[in-house]
Protein backbone atom coordinates (compact mmCIF):
# COMPACT_ATOMS: atom_id res chain seq x y z
CA MET A 1 128.89 141.74 127.88
CA LEU A 2 131.93 140.37 126.08
CA ASP A 3 134.42 142.59 127.88
CA LYS A 4 134.20 140.53 131.06
CA TYR A 5 135.66 137.61 129.07
CA PHE A 6 138.00 139.55 126.81
CA PRO A 7 138.89 143.26 126.56
CA THR A 8 137.71 143.15 122.95
CA PHE A 9 136.29 140.36 120.87
CA SER A 10 139.26 140.79 118.56
CA LYS A 11 141.44 138.99 121.09
CA LEU A 12 139.25 135.91 120.87
CA LEU A 13 139.94 135.85 117.15
CA ASN A 14 143.67 136.48 117.74
CA PHE A 15 143.46 139.81 115.90
CA ASN A 16 146.03 142.46 116.74
CA LYS A 17 144.91 145.89 115.52
CA LYS A 18 148.41 147.35 115.79
CA SER A 19 149.87 144.70 113.50
CA ILE A 20 147.35 145.22 110.71
CA PRO A 21 148.64 147.32 107.80
CA ALA A 22 146.49 150.15 106.50
CA LEU A 23 145.83 148.28 103.26
CA ALA A 24 145.22 144.85 104.81
CA ASP A 25 143.58 142.33 102.51
CA ASP A 26 139.93 142.19 103.53
CA ALA A 27 139.59 138.80 101.85
CA THR A 28 141.62 137.31 104.74
CA PHE A 29 138.35 137.05 106.62
CA PHE A 30 137.07 134.39 104.28
CA ARG A 31 140.11 132.12 104.74
CA THR A 32 138.71 130.18 107.66
CA SER A 33 140.47 127.15 109.06
CA ARG A 34 137.77 124.86 107.64
CA MET A 35 138.43 126.22 104.17
CA LEU A 36 142.21 126.00 104.41
CA ASN A 37 142.59 122.64 106.19
CA LEU A 38 140.53 120.35 103.99
CA GLU A 39 140.81 116.60 104.44
CA THR A 40 140.79 114.14 101.55
CA GLY A 41 137.23 113.07 100.76
CA ALA A 42 135.72 116.11 102.44
CA ASP A 43 134.73 117.80 99.17
CA LEU A 44 131.01 117.40 99.79
CA GLU A 45 131.35 119.18 103.13
CA HIS A 46 132.77 122.21 101.30
CA PRO A 47 130.64 122.59 98.15
CA TYR A 48 131.60 126.25 97.76
CA LEU A 49 135.15 125.05 97.11
CA SER A 50 134.37 121.83 95.24
CA SER A 51 131.32 122.54 93.06
CA ALA A 52 131.52 125.11 90.27
CA SER A 53 127.72 125.39 90.17
CA VAL A 54 127.43 126.06 93.91
CA TYR A 55 130.23 128.62 93.80
CA ALA A 56 128.83 130.43 90.75
CA ALA A 57 125.28 130.67 92.09
CA ALA A 58 126.09 131.46 95.74
CA HIS A 59 128.75 134.00 94.82
CA LYS A 60 126.40 135.69 92.35
CA ILE A 61 123.61 136.04 94.90
CA SER A 62 125.79 137.28 97.76
CA GLN A 63 127.72 139.71 95.57
CA ASN A 64 124.62 141.17 93.92
CA ILE A 65 122.91 141.82 97.25
CA SER A 66 126.04 143.30 98.83
CA GLN A 67 126.36 145.86 96.03
CA VAL A 68 122.89 147.34 96.62
CA PRO A 69 123.21 150.49 98.79
CA LEU A 70 121.92 149.92 102.33
CA LYS A 71 120.39 153.09 103.76
CA ILE A 72 119.70 154.05 107.37
CA CYS A 73 116.38 155.88 107.52
CA THR A 74 114.43 157.83 110.11
CA GLN A 75 111.20 159.82 110.22
CA LYS A 76 111.82 163.59 110.23
CA ASN A 77 108.14 164.38 110.55
CA LYS A 78 104.81 162.76 109.81
CA ASP A 79 105.19 163.04 106.05
CA LYS A 80 108.94 163.00 105.48
CA THR A 81 111.59 160.27 105.68
CA ILE A 82 115.29 161.14 105.57
CA GLU A 83 118.48 159.11 105.16
CA ILE A 84 121.10 159.14 107.93
CA VAL A 85 124.57 159.85 106.50
CA GLU A 86 126.54 160.54 109.69
CA GLY A 87 126.67 159.58 113.34
CA ALA A 88 127.37 156.44 115.36
CA ILE A 89 124.94 154.14 113.53
CA TYR A 90 126.22 155.25 110.13
CA ASP A 91 129.87 154.77 111.17
CA LEU A 92 129.13 151.31 112.61
CA LEU A 93 127.59 150.01 109.39
CA GLN A 94 130.22 151.60 107.16
CA SER A 95 133.01 149.90 109.12
CA PRO A 96 131.53 147.08 111.22
CA ASN A 97 134.93 145.72 112.32
CA ILE A 98 138.62 146.08 111.60
CA TYR A 99 138.56 143.64 108.68
CA MET A 100 135.26 144.18 106.94
CA SER A 101 133.34 146.85 105.08
CA LYS A 102 129.55 147.09 105.05
CA GLU A 103 129.45 145.33 101.69
CA GLN A 104 131.58 142.44 102.93
CA LEU A 105 129.43 142.11 106.04
CA ILE A 106 126.32 141.70 103.90
CA GLU A 107 128.10 139.40 101.43
CA SER A 108 129.34 137.05 104.15
CA THR A 109 125.89 137.05 105.79
CA ILE A 110 124.15 135.98 102.58
CA LEU A 111 126.87 133.44 101.79
CA TYR A 112 126.57 131.76 105.18
CA LEU A 113 122.78 131.73 104.81
CA LEU A 114 123.03 129.90 101.50
CA LEU A 115 125.68 127.40 102.59
CA ASN A 116 124.55 126.78 106.18
CA GLY A 117 120.94 127.96 106.26
CA GLU A 118 121.82 130.53 108.91
CA ALA A 119 124.21 133.37 109.67
CA PHE A 120 125.25 134.97 112.94
CA TRP A 121 126.28 138.49 113.88
CA ILE A 122 128.09 139.00 117.16
CA LEU A 123 127.36 142.50 118.48
CA ASP A 124 130.59 143.13 120.34
CA GLY A 125 130.41 145.70 123.14
CA ARG A 126 126.61 145.86 123.34
CA ASP A 127 125.73 146.26 127.03
CA ASN A 128 121.96 145.91 126.60
CA VAL A 129 119.22 146.11 123.97
CA THR A 130 119.13 149.91 124.07
CA LYS A 131 122.81 150.29 123.14
CA LEU A 132 124.68 150.12 119.86
CA PRO A 133 127.53 147.58 119.63
CA GLN A 134 131.09 148.76 119.14
CA GLU A 135 131.74 146.20 116.40
CA ILE A 136 129.81 143.65 114.34
CA TRP A 137 131.30 140.27 113.41
CA CYS A 138 129.79 137.74 111.00
CA LEU A 139 131.30 134.34 111.85
CA ASP A 140 130.99 130.68 110.92
CA PRO A 141 127.60 129.30 112.11
CA ILE A 142 129.16 125.91 112.87
CA ARG A 143 130.95 127.48 115.85
CA PHE A 144 127.69 128.53 117.53
CA LYS A 145 125.62 126.39 119.90
CA PRO A 146 122.32 127.43 121.50
CA ILE A 147 121.96 127.90 125.25
CA GLN A 148 118.52 126.90 126.58
CA ASN A 149 116.91 127.01 130.01
CA ASN A 150 115.08 124.14 131.70
CA GLN A 151 111.96 124.88 129.65
CA GLY A 152 113.90 124.68 126.39
CA ILE A 153 113.68 128.43 125.75
CA LEU A 154 116.65 129.98 123.96
CA THR A 155 118.51 132.32 126.33
CA GLY A 156 121.81 132.87 124.51
CA TRP A 157 124.58 131.33 122.44
CA SER A 158 128.01 129.84 123.04
CA TYR A 159 130.76 130.56 120.54
CA ARG A 160 133.82 128.32 120.16
CA ASN A 161 137.03 129.20 118.36
CA GLY A 162 139.59 126.48 118.90
CA LYS A 163 140.04 126.02 122.64
CA ASN A 164 138.28 129.27 123.54
CA THR A 165 134.55 129.26 124.28
CA ILE A 166 132.45 132.16 125.47
CA GLN A 167 128.79 132.54 126.37
CA LEU A 168 126.80 135.33 124.74
CA ASN A 169 123.55 136.91 125.85
CA SER A 170 120.65 136.95 123.43
CA TRP A 171 121.08 140.70 122.75
CA GLU A 172 124.72 140.13 121.77
CA VAL A 173 123.82 137.83 118.87
CA ILE A 174 121.59 138.21 115.82
CA GLN A 175 120.69 134.98 114.04
CA PHE A 176 119.49 135.14 110.43
CA LYS A 177 118.05 131.83 109.25
CA PHE A 178 115.97 130.02 106.68
CA LEU A 179 113.04 128.22 108.24
CA ASN A 180 113.85 124.67 109.28
CA PRO A 181 110.73 122.52 109.84
CA TYR A 182 112.91 119.90 111.56
CA ASP A 183 114.59 122.21 114.09
CA GLU A 184 113.02 125.13 115.93
CA ILE A 185 116.34 126.90 116.51
CA ARG A 186 118.77 126.15 113.69
CA GLY A 187 118.34 127.08 110.03
CA LEU A 188 118.18 124.78 107.01
CA SER A 189 120.42 125.30 103.98
CA PRO A 190 118.75 125.09 100.55
CA LEU A 191 121.76 123.03 99.44
CA ASN A 192 120.69 120.12 101.64
CA CYS A 193 118.05 119.05 99.15
CA ALA A 194 120.60 119.30 96.32
CA ALA A 195 123.32 117.28 98.07
CA TYR A 196 122.91 114.32 95.70
CA PHE A 197 123.38 116.50 92.62
CA ILE A 198 126.34 118.31 94.17
CA GLN A 199 127.89 114.89 94.75
CA LEU A 200 127.21 113.90 91.15
CA GLU A 201 128.95 117.01 89.85
CA ILE A 202 131.97 116.52 92.11
CA PHE A 203 132.34 112.80 91.29
CA ALA A 204 131.94 113.42 87.57
CA SER A 205 134.66 116.06 87.71
CA GLN A 206 136.97 113.75 89.67
CA PHE A 207 136.32 110.88 87.25
CA ASN A 208 137.17 113.00 84.23
CA ALA A 209 140.26 114.42 85.92
CA SER A 210 141.45 110.88 86.68
CA PHE A 211 140.79 109.84 83.09
CA PHE A 212 143.08 112.51 81.68
CA LYS A 213 145.65 112.09 84.44
CA ASN A 214 146.08 108.33 83.98
CA GLY A 215 145.54 108.34 80.25
CA ALA A 216 143.44 105.21 79.55
CA ASN A 217 140.11 103.68 80.32
CA PHE A 218 140.10 100.90 82.89
CA GLY A 219 137.17 98.69 83.71
CA GLY A 220 136.22 95.05 83.26
CA ALA A 221 136.71 91.59 84.78
CA LEU A 222 139.60 89.27 85.66
CA GLN A 223 139.55 85.73 84.25
CA THR A 224 141.72 82.69 84.96
CA GLU A 225 141.55 78.99 84.11
CA LYS A 226 143.13 78.06 87.41
CA LYS A 227 141.26 77.49 90.62
CA LEU A 228 142.07 80.12 93.20
CA THR A 229 142.33 79.40 96.89
CA ASN A 230 140.36 81.53 99.31
CA GLU A 231 143.53 83.36 100.32
CA GLN A 232 144.49 84.05 96.68
CA PHE A 233 140.98 85.23 95.86
CA LYS A 234 140.83 87.56 98.88
CA ARG A 235 144.32 88.94 98.16
CA LEU A 236 143.45 89.58 94.51
CA ILE A 237 140.17 91.33 95.34
CA GLU A 238 141.81 93.40 98.07
CA GLN A 239 144.65 94.52 95.79
CA PHE A 240 142.32 95.57 93.00
CA GLU A 241 139.90 97.35 95.33
CA ASN A 242 142.70 99.24 97.05
CA ARG A 243 144.25 100.29 93.75
CA HIS A 244 141.28 100.76 91.43
CA SER A 245 138.03 101.30 93.34
CA GLY A 246 136.51 104.77 93.56
CA VAL A 247 136.51 107.73 91.20
CA SER A 248 139.86 109.02 92.46
CA ARG A 249 141.56 105.75 91.41
CA ALA A 250 139.99 105.45 87.98
CA HIS A 251 142.18 104.47 84.96
CA LYS A 252 145.24 103.28 86.93
CA ILE A 253 147.41 100.58 85.30
CA ALA A 254 146.82 96.98 86.44
CA VAL A 255 149.57 94.32 86.77
CA LEU A 256 148.35 90.77 85.99
CA GLU A 257 150.09 87.59 87.17
CA ASP A 258 149.94 83.81 86.88
CA GLY A 259 147.74 83.54 83.77
CA LEU A 260 145.18 86.17 84.70
CA LYS A 261 143.35 87.78 81.78
CA PHE A 262 141.58 91.09 81.78
CA ILE A 263 138.28 91.42 79.91
CA GLU A 264 137.81 95.12 79.22
CA ASN A 265 134.56 96.93 79.79
CA ARG A 266 133.91 98.91 76.61
CA ILE A 267 131.94 101.76 78.21
CA THR A 268 133.25 105.07 76.89
CA GLN A 269 132.92 108.61 78.16
CA ARG A 270 130.27 109.18 75.50
CA ASP A 271 128.31 106.31 77.02
CA MET A 272 128.62 107.99 80.40
CA ASP A 273 126.91 111.08 78.88
CA PHE A 274 128.72 113.53 81.13
CA ASN A 275 127.32 116.57 79.34
CA ASN A 276 123.75 115.73 80.30
CA LEU A 277 124.88 114.64 83.75
CA TYR A 278 126.51 118.02 84.37
CA LYS A 279 123.45 119.83 83.01
CA ILE A 280 121.01 117.91 85.22
CA ALA A 281 123.18 118.46 88.30
CA ARG A 282 123.58 122.16 87.52
CA GLN A 283 119.85 122.68 86.96
CA ASN A 284 118.96 121.10 90.30
CA ILE A 285 121.62 123.07 92.18
CA PHE A 286 120.39 126.31 90.59
CA ALA A 287 116.79 125.36 91.44
CA ALA A 288 117.71 124.82 95.10
CA LEU A 289 119.32 128.27 95.24
CA ASN A 290 116.49 129.86 93.19
CA VAL A 291 118.87 131.08 90.47
CA ASN A 292 118.28 130.85 86.73
CA SER A 293 121.09 130.08 84.31
CA VAL A 294 120.66 133.34 82.36
CA VAL A 295 122.00 135.53 85.16
CA LEU A 296 125.12 133.34 85.16
CA GLY A 297 125.73 133.88 81.44
CA MET A 298 124.15 130.68 80.07
CA TYR A 299 121.70 131.54 77.29
CA GLU A 300 121.02 128.17 75.62
CA ASP A 301 117.44 128.06 76.96
CA VAL A 302 116.57 131.67 76.02
CA LYS A 303 115.63 132.63 72.48
CA SER A 304 115.00 136.38 72.71
CA TYR A 305 116.20 139.58 74.34
CA GLU A 306 112.85 139.90 76.10
CA GLY A 307 113.43 136.49 77.61
CA ILE A 308 116.80 137.63 78.96
CA LYS A 309 115.26 140.76 80.48
CA THR A 310 112.49 138.73 82.08
CA ALA A 311 115.01 136.26 83.54
CA HIS A 312 117.02 139.05 85.19
CA LYS A 313 113.89 140.75 86.50
CA THR A 314 112.56 137.47 87.91
CA TYR A 315 115.93 136.78 89.54
CA TRP A 316 115.73 140.05 91.47
CA GLN A 317 112.06 139.78 92.36
CA GLU A 318 111.98 136.13 93.41
CA CYS A 319 115.53 135.41 94.61
CA LEU A 320 117.29 138.55 95.82
CA ILE A 321 114.63 140.94 97.12
CA PRO A 322 113.05 138.40 99.54
CA LYS A 323 116.47 137.78 101.10
CA MET A 324 117.12 141.53 101.34
CA ASN A 325 113.78 142.04 103.07
CA MET A 326 114.59 139.23 105.49
CA ILE A 327 117.89 140.93 106.42
CA THR A 328 116.38 144.39 106.98
CA ASN A 329 113.36 143.05 108.89
CA LYS A 330 115.59 141.02 111.21
CA LEU A 331 117.88 143.99 111.88
CA ASP A 332 114.96 146.34 112.47
CA HIS A 333 113.64 143.93 115.10
CA GLY A 334 116.89 142.61 116.58
CA LEU A 335 119.08 145.72 116.54
CA PHE A 336 117.17 148.97 116.04
CA LYS A 337 113.81 148.36 117.73
CA ASP A 338 114.92 149.39 121.23
CA ILE A 339 117.47 152.05 120.24
CA GLU A 340 116.10 155.58 120.71
CA GLY A 341 112.54 154.37 120.58
CA GLY A 342 112.96 152.44 117.33
CA LYS A 343 113.19 155.55 115.17
CA PHE A 344 115.80 154.04 112.82
CA TRP A 345 115.34 151.36 110.18
CA LEU A 346 117.23 149.99 107.17
CA GLU A 347 116.29 149.95 103.49
CA PHE A 348 118.03 148.59 100.41
CA ASP A 349 117.97 151.23 97.68
CA LEU A 350 116.87 149.46 94.49
CA ALA A 351 116.79 152.60 92.33
CA GLY A 352 120.11 151.68 90.69
CA VAL A 353 119.12 148.11 89.75
CA SER A 354 118.76 148.19 85.97
CA ALA A 355 116.80 144.92 85.84
CA LEU A 356 113.98 146.62 87.73
CA HIS A 357 113.91 149.83 85.69
CA GLU A 358 111.02 148.55 83.63
CA ASP A 359 108.92 148.67 86.76
CA PHE A 360 110.12 152.23 87.32
CA ASN A 361 108.96 153.23 83.84
CA GLU A 362 105.58 151.73 84.58
CA LYS A 363 105.42 153.75 87.78
CA VAL A 364 106.18 156.92 85.84
CA SER A 365 103.23 156.20 83.56
CA GLN A 366 101.02 155.68 86.60
CA ALA A 367 102.35 158.90 88.11
CA LYS A 368 101.34 160.81 84.97
CA ILE A 369 97.78 159.56 85.35
CA LEU A 370 97.71 160.58 89.02
CA VAL A 371 99.12 164.05 88.23
CA ASP A 372 96.42 164.57 85.64
CA SER A 373 93.87 163.46 88.24
CA GLY A 374 94.91 166.18 90.67
CA PHE A 375 97.36 164.48 93.07
CA ASP A 376 100.45 166.49 93.99
CA GLY A 377 103.97 165.25 93.29
CA ASN A 378 104.98 164.49 96.87
CA MET A 379 101.94 162.28 97.43
CA ILE A 380 102.64 160.39 94.20
CA ASN A 381 106.35 160.07 95.05
CA GLU A 382 105.52 158.45 98.39
CA LEU A 383 102.66 156.31 97.05
CA LEU A 384 104.66 154.80 94.19
CA GLY A 385 108.07 154.82 95.89
CA LEU A 386 109.74 156.76 93.09
CA GLY A 387 112.65 157.83 95.30
CA PHE A 388 112.65 161.55 94.43
CA ALA A 389 113.31 164.26 96.99
CA ASP A 390 110.26 166.20 98.19
CA ASN A 391 109.61 169.52 96.44
CA ALA A 392 107.27 172.45 96.82
CA TRP A 393 104.54 171.84 94.26
CA LYS A 394 102.16 174.35 92.71
CA PRO A 395 98.51 173.70 93.45
CA LYS A 396 96.59 171.92 90.72
CA ALA A 397 94.65 175.07 89.85
CA ALA A 398 97.89 176.72 88.76
CA VAL A 399 98.51 174.10 86.09
CA MET A 400 97.63 175.31 82.59
CA PRO A 401 94.49 173.49 81.48
CA GLN A 402 94.61 171.37 78.39
CA GLN A 403 92.42 172.18 75.40
CA GLN A 404 90.60 169.48 73.54
CA ALA A 405 88.72 170.02 70.25
CA PHE A 406 85.68 168.01 69.31
CA LYS A 407 82.84 168.20 66.76
CA LEU A 408 79.25 168.93 67.68
CA ILE A 409 76.48 168.03 65.21
CA ALA A 410 73.72 170.67 65.28
CA PRO A 411 70.40 168.84 65.00
CA GLU A 412 68.68 171.66 63.15
CA THR A 413 71.14 172.04 60.29
CA LYS A 414 72.91 168.68 60.41
CA LYS A 415 76.12 170.68 59.95
CA SER A 416 79.35 170.07 61.73
CA VAL A 417 80.18 172.84 64.18
CA GLU A 418 83.69 172.81 65.70
CA THR A 419 84.06 174.18 69.21
CA THR A 420 86.73 174.19 71.86
CA GLN A 421 86.31 173.16 75.46
CA LYS A 422 88.76 173.63 78.26
CA SER A 423 89.47 170.61 80.38
CA ASN A 424 91.49 169.95 83.49
CA ILE A 425 91.51 166.19 82.92
C-alpha cells in the first residue's frame, strides 16, 4: 500500500493538486527530466527526439491505438454482453490520474513499449488484488527495478524518482512487455535491433547540418617537405583531431603553418549517396517497428489505390491489433480477474476503423447467407462480431418465402412447361 510511504503517490511526483489549473496542459506529463536534460552525444539514447523515422513511426502507432474506443464489458446473462458506461471502473479509466486522460494513458503505454520494450502502470491506492486503485500512473520504465526473493522469484518492484525510492507490491504494479529471450523479467525494445540504422540516420543528419553550417567541404591529407619531430607530429595530429574529427566538427576551417599543404579529398555529397542512406535506414527502422511507409504518407512503392488500402489494412491487422490484444489481455489478468469475480473485461471497439471496413462488408455478405439458411439475427451478430444491439427477431417461418421460376421439360411432348415453386432457401 503506497499510503504508508506517502499520503498519495502524487507527492512522490511532486504534484500539488491545488496548484493545477483547470485547463492544465496534459502534455506536461511527457516532459520527463531525461527528455529535457539531454547531454551532448546522447542522441542515440533518445531516438524519439533525435530520429525522424523513430518519432514518425512510434507516434503513429501509439496515437492510432489510443484513439480506438476502449470499452468495459460485462456479461448480463448467458447470451448478452453489455458495455459499462458508469461506476467506479468507468470513472477510473476515463480519468486515471490528475494529469492524464484514458487516451493519454494508452498512448504513453504503447510509446514506452516501443521505446523501452516495456511499460509500467502503478496502481496507486490498491490495497489488495480484489480492490480497484484510486489512480493509475504510467511512468518511465527506467525508474523501475525488480525485487526478487532468495529463489529469484519476482515479488515486487522498486520505483525511484530522484532521491525518493519506494517499494511496491506485485498487485500495485502492472508490467506490459515484449518478450525478451535474454531476460526473464525485463522487456526488449524492437528498436534495439535497429540501433545501427538509427545511428546512421542521426549521423547523416548531423553531417549534413554541419555541411550547411560551415559552408564548405573539408577532408584530405596534410603534406610537408620538412621532417617533423615527434612532438610536432603529435601536436599537429591532436589539433586536427580536436578540431575536425567527428560528424559534429565536419567542414570547419583549417589553419596551416610552416609550409604545410592540404590535399583535398574530392568526395562530394553525391558520392556519399545520402538519399539511399536515409531510405535504407528508414526502411529498417520501420521494419523493426512493423510499420509500412504508406501509413506515414510515403507512396513511392505503391502503384494503385488497392495497394494503399491493403497497406492500411495490413498495418492494423499485423501491427496495431496484436498490441491492443496484449494490453487488454494483460489488464484482464492483472487488474480485473479478482475484482467481483472477474466479471469485467476490456475490449477495443474496432467498428470505427475505416481500414477494416472491407472485412465488415465481407461479414455482412456472410450474414446474408446465414439469414437465408435459417439463423436468427442475434446468433449471427454474436457469431460474426457485427457489433449491433440485440433485437427481437421474427421466427424464420414468418419470413416471406422467395419464389423461383424454372422450366420443366415434359418427356411426352418435349414441350417446355413453366412452373413456379416456392422456396425458403
